[in-house]
Amino acid sequence: MRFGVVIFPGSNCEQDVVHAAHHLGFEAEYVFHRETDLAGFDALVLPGGFSYGDYIRCGAVARFSPVMSEVIRFAEAGGPVMGICNGFQILAEAHMLPGALLRNDTLKFICRDTTLRVEKSTCQWLDTAPGTVLHIPINHNEGNFICDHVTLSRMEDNDQIVLRYCEPDGSRAEGGSAPNGALEDIAGVCNERGNVFGLMPHPERVVDPATGGTDGQAFFTSIVGTLAKVAG
């Protein structure tokens, strides 16, 4: 299994993703934003950070990097792509995922542990049972997911909502459990096909027990299992 970790100017979580993959026994290599050949990679990860200084909007400039044309082709061919935090913002700007990420409703940068509930979804990146509560940290200023009501309805009908912020017992607070104001407490979504996945929390930071836990392991091992089944 070989992960390609795409680096843009301003990315700062790529080493965490590579460490997570290596810790789980997989290969991982950096892919520079000017790269136009993604041959040989089984899955791609767009890591967190502040690509191009978050100028204009988060991900708005990175979306036009040369590598993104290849990322889109890779996904259209069925290749699995995951965007974490800034990576999620880039995928949304590239229209590879529905919705958009706005400034946190607190108007403050948030860095803290969160609890997430796994939803029933078509996402190929996560095979954890629906209802499972995970503990995964967040670290962002623009994580407030939003979309129109038509898009939200379509996402619900197509099982594209992968993760929701929740209370420790898995319930959702009446006023919302999202620390950033995200619509319907949405923390992660996928495309209709299920191979493109974006989430604001950082699973790569909770893969190694030495660095805080193992709740993030499934975000890497699940896709390996999915690809193995496809390959027969």
Protein backbone atom coordinates (compact mmCIF):
# COMPACT_ATOMS: atom_id res chain seq x y z
CA MET A 1 0.00 0.00 0.00
CA ARG A 2 1.49 3.31 -1.08
CA PHE A 3 0.05 6.64 0.06
CA GLY A 4 0.88 9.86 -1.75
CA VAL A 5 0.87 12.87 0.60
CA VAL A 6 0.39 16.09 -1.37
CA ILE A 7 2.37 19.11 -0.17
CA PHE A 8 1.41 22.69 -0.96
CA PRO A 9 3.33 25.81 0.10
CA GLY A 10 2.11 26.27 3.66
CA SER A 11 1.20 22.64 4.40
CA ASN A 12 2.39 21.67 7.87
CA CYS A 13 0.84 18.29 8.73
CA GLU A 14 2.40 16.18 5.98
CA GLN A 15 5.00 14.66 8.30
CA ASP A 16 2.27 13.53 10.69
CA VAL A 17 0.44 11.76 7.85
CA VAL A 18 3.61 10.03 6.65
CA HIS A 19 4.43 8.96 10.21
CA ALA A 20 0.91 7.58 10.64
CA ALA A 21 1.18 5.52 7.45
CA HIS A 22 4.65 4.21 8.34
CA HIS A 23 3.57 3.38 11.89
CA LEU A 24 0.79 1.20 10.46
CA GLY A 25 3.19 -0.56 8.11
CA PHE A 26 2.36 1.22 4.85
CA GLU A 27 4.49 3.15 2.39
CA ALA A 28 4.04 6.90 2.07
CA GLU A 29 5.80 9.51 -0.03
CA TYR A 30 5.55 13.26 -0.38
CA VAL A 31 4.07 14.66 -3.59
CA PHE A 32 5.07 18.24 -4.41
CA HIS A 33 2.30 20.59 -5.56
CA ARG A 34 3.90 21.01 -9.00
CA GLU A 35 3.86 17.26 -9.67
CA THR A 36 1.82 16.06 -12.64
CA ASP A 37 2.38 12.30 -12.40
CA LEU A 38 0.65 10.32 -9.67
CA ALA A 39 1.32 6.88 -11.15
CA GLY A 40 2.15 4.24 -8.58
CA PHE A 41 0.08 5.61 -5.70
CA ASP A 42 -2.81 3.60 -4.29
CA ALA A 43 -4.36 6.47 -2.30
CA LEU A 44 -3.80 10.20 -1.87
CA VAL A 45 -3.95 12.36 1.23
CA LEU A 46 -4.13 16.16 1.24
CA PRO A 47 -2.88 17.14 4.70
CA GLY A 48 -3.65 20.07 6.96
CA GLY A 49 -1.89 23.41 7.13
CA PHE A 50 -2.30 26.84 5.62
CA SER A 51 -1.77 26.34 1.89
CA TYR A 52 -0.62 29.57 0.23
CA GLY A 53 -1.18 31.37 3.53
CA ASP A 54 -4.97 30.88 3.24
CA TYR A 55 -5.05 33.92 0.97
CA ILE A 56 -8.42 34.76 -0.62
CA ARG A 57 -10.07 31.74 1.05
CA CYS A 58 -8.69 28.56 2.58
CA GLY A 59 -7.80 26.22 -0.29
CA ALA A 60 -8.80 28.71 -3.00
CA VAL A 61 -5.26 29.08 -4.39
CA ALA A 62 -4.14 25.48 -3.82
CA ARG A 63 -7.13 24.30 -5.80
CA PHE A 64 -5.32 25.62 -8.94
CA SER A 65 -1.95 23.98 -8.26
CA PRO A 66 -0.77 21.73 -11.13
CA VAL A 67 -1.12 18.61 -9.01
CA MET A 68 -4.85 19.16 -8.50
CA SER A 69 -5.69 18.33 -12.12
CA GLU A 70 -4.06 14.96 -11.51
CA VAL A 71 -5.79 14.54 -8.14
CA ILE A 72 -9.13 15.09 -9.88
CA ARG A 73 -8.27 12.56 -12.60
CA PHE A 74 -7.14 10.09 -9.96
CA ALA A 75 -10.46 10.45 -8.11
CA GLU A 76 -12.53 10.28 -11.30
CA ALA A 77 -10.84 6.95 -12.07
CA GLY A 78 -11.99 5.67 -8.68
CA GLY A 79 -8.80 6.35 -6.74
CA PRO A 80 -9.30 7.12 -3.02
CA VAL A 81 -8.54 10.68 -1.90
CA MET A 82 -8.72 12.01 1.66
CA GLY A 83 -8.44 15.68 2.64
CA ILE A 84 -7.71 16.50 6.28
CA CYS A 85 -8.49 19.99 7.60
CA ASN A 86 -6.91 22.30 4.96
CA GLY A 87 -7.04 19.31 2.62
CA PHE A 88 -10.81 19.17 3.12
CA GLN A 89 -11.02 22.88 2.33
CA ILE A 90 -9.03 22.33 -0.88
CA LEU A 91 -11.27 19.46 -2.00
CA ALA A 92 -14.34 21.61 -1.37
CA GLU A 93 -12.84 24.49 -3.37
CA ALA A 94 -12.10 22.04 -6.19
CA HIS A 95 -15.76 20.93 -6.13
CA MET A 96 -14.69 17.39 -5.38
CA LEU A 97 -16.83 17.49 -2.24
CA PRO A 98 -20.11 19.31 -1.49
CA GLY A 99 -20.38 22.32 0.75
CA ALA A 100 -17.89 24.90 1.96
CA LEU A 101 -15.90 25.66 5.10
CA LEU A 102 -16.46 29.06 6.72
CA ARG A 103 -14.83 30.86 9.64
CA ASN A 104 -15.57 29.27 12.99
CA ASP A 105 -18.66 30.85 14.52
CA THR A 106 -16.58 31.81 17.57
CA LEU A 107 -14.31 33.83 15.23
CA LYS A 108 -11.41 32.16 17.04
CA PHE A 109 -8.88 29.50 16.12
CA ILE A 110 -9.78 26.22 17.84
CA CYS A 111 -7.26 23.60 18.95
CA ARG A 112 -8.76 20.91 21.19
CA ASP A 113 -9.85 17.31 21.46
CA THR A 114 -13.31 16.50 20.13
CA THR A 115 -15.70 13.58 20.17
CA LEU A 116 -17.09 12.39 16.84
CA ARG A 117 -19.90 10.01 15.99
CA VAL A 118 -19.48 7.75 12.99
CA GLU A 119 -22.53 7.91 10.71
CA LYS A 120 -23.81 5.32 8.24
CA SER A 121 -22.17 6.32 4.97
CA THR A 122 -20.81 5.13 1.64
CA CYS A 123 -17.31 6.34 2.55
CA GLN A 124 -14.60 3.89 1.49
CA TRP A 125 -12.13 5.41 3.95
CA LEU A 126 -13.89 4.30 7.12
CA ASP A 127 -15.54 0.98 7.94
CA THR A 128 -16.09 1.69 11.64
CA ALA A 129 -19.58 0.79 12.84
CA PRO A 130 -22.14 3.63 12.77
CA GLY A 131 -22.69 5.05 16.23
CA THR A 132 -19.10 4.55 17.31
CA VAL A 133 -17.71 7.53 19.21
CA LEU A 134 -14.14 8.55 18.35
CA HIS A 135 -11.80 10.97 20.09
CA ILE A 136 -9.89 13.00 17.53
CA PRO A 137 -8.39 16.51 17.84
CA ILE A 138 -9.20 19.55 15.73
CA ASN A 139 -6.92 22.47 14.87
CA HIS A 140 -8.53 25.06 12.59
CA ASN A 141 -9.91 28.54 12.08
CA GLU A 142 -12.30 27.76 9.20
CA GLY A 143 -14.05 24.50 10.01
CA ASN A 144 -17.65 25.69 9.97
CA PHE A 145 -19.23 23.40 7.35
CA ILE A 146 -22.13 24.86 5.41
CA CYS A 147 -24.26 23.96 2.39
CA ASP A 148 -27.73 24.77 1.09
CA HIS A 149 -30.76 22.73 2.10
CA VAL A 150 -31.00 20.95 -1.26
CA THR A 151 -27.39 19.79 -0.98
CA LEU A 152 -27.88 18.72 2.62
CA SER A 153 -30.95 16.68 1.69
CA ARG A 154 -29.09 15.02 -1.17
CA MET A 155 -26.14 14.21 1.09
CA GLU A 156 -28.45 12.63 3.65
CA ASP A 157 -30.25 10.60 0.99
CA ASN A 158 -26.94 9.38 -0.45
CA ASP A 159 -25.30 8.62 2.93
CA GLN A 160 -22.53 11.15 2.34
CA ILE A 161 -22.31 12.46 5.91
CA VAL A 162 -19.48 10.43 7.45
CA LEU A 163 -18.81 12.09 10.82
CA ARG A 164 -20.67 14.39 13.19
CA TYR A 165 -19.42 16.21 16.26
CA CYS A 166 -21.18 14.82 19.30
CA GLU A 167 -21.27 14.67 23.08
CA PRO A 168 -19.12 12.05 24.88
CA ASP A 169 -22.08 9.64 25.01
CA GLY A 170 -22.69 9.94 21.25
CA SER A 171 -25.72 12.21 21.52
CA ARG A 172 -25.95 15.64 19.91
CA ALA A 173 -26.68 18.68 22.04
CA GLU A 174 -29.92 20.52 21.33
CA GLY A 175 -28.03 23.67 20.38
CA GLY A 176 -25.43 21.73 18.41
CA SER A 177 -22.28 19.90 19.44
CA ALA A 178 -19.95 21.33 16.79
CA PRO A 179 -17.29 23.55 18.39
CA ASN A 180 -17.10 25.59 15.18
CA GLY A 181 -20.82 26.02 14.40
CA ALA A 182 -20.88 23.47 11.57
CA LEU A 183 -24.29 22.81 10.01
CA GLU A 184 -25.92 19.71 11.52
CA ASP A 185 -22.69 19.11 13.48
CA ILE A 186 -21.02 17.85 10.30
CA ALA A 187 -17.32 17.06 10.71
CA GLY A 188 -16.68 14.95 7.60
CA VAL A 189 -18.34 14.17 4.27
CA CYS A 190 -17.67 12.08 1.17
CA ASN A 191 -18.68 12.26 -2.48
CA GLU A 192 -21.52 10.10 -3.80
CA ARG A 193 -19.09 7.43 -4.95
CA GLY A 194 -17.49 7.28 -1.52
CA ASN A 195 -13.87 7.44 -2.69
CA VAL A 196 -13.29 11.15 -1.91
CA PHE A 197 -13.47 12.01 1.78
CA GLY A 198 -12.88 15.25 3.67
CA LEU A 199 -12.85 15.87 7.41
CA MET A 200 -11.78 18.73 9.66
CA PRO A 201 -10.43 16.62 12.60
CA HIS A 202 -6.89 15.19 12.43
CA PRO A 203 -6.92 11.36 12.59
CA GLU A 204 -3.20 11.20 11.78
CA ARG A 205 -2.49 12.60 15.25
CA VAL A 206 -4.11 9.66 17.05
CA VAL A 207 -2.60 6.67 15.27
CA ASP A 208 0.42 6.05 17.46
CA PRO A 209 -0.35 5.37 21.17
CA ALA A 210 2.81 7.30 22.02
CA THR A 211 1.26 10.46 20.60
CA GLY A 212 -2.22 10.37 22.08
CA GLY A 213 -4.28 7.33 21.10
CA THR A 214 -5.34 5.00 18.30
CA ASP A 215 -8.79 6.23 17.25
CA GLY A 216 -7.33 7.53 13.98
CA GLN A 217 -5.95 4.20 12.81
CA ALA A 218 -9.13 3.11 11.02
CA PHE A 219 -8.94 6.12 8.71
CA PHE A 220 -5.87 4.53 7.12
CA THR A 221 -6.43 0.80 7.59
CA SER A 222 -10.01 0.80 6.27
CA ILE A 223 -9.04 2.05 2.82
CA VAL A 224 -6.29 -0.55 2.63
CA GLY A 225 -8.87 -3.24 3.28
CA THR A 226 -11.24 -1.72 0.73
CA LEU A 227 -8.57 -1.70 -1.97
CA ALA A 228 -7.56 -5.26 -1.12
CA LYS A 229 -11.14 -6.42 -1.65
CA VAL A 230 -11.34 -4.61 -5.00
CA ALA A 231 -8.07 -6.21 -6.08
CA GLY A 232 -9.46 -9.62 -5.12
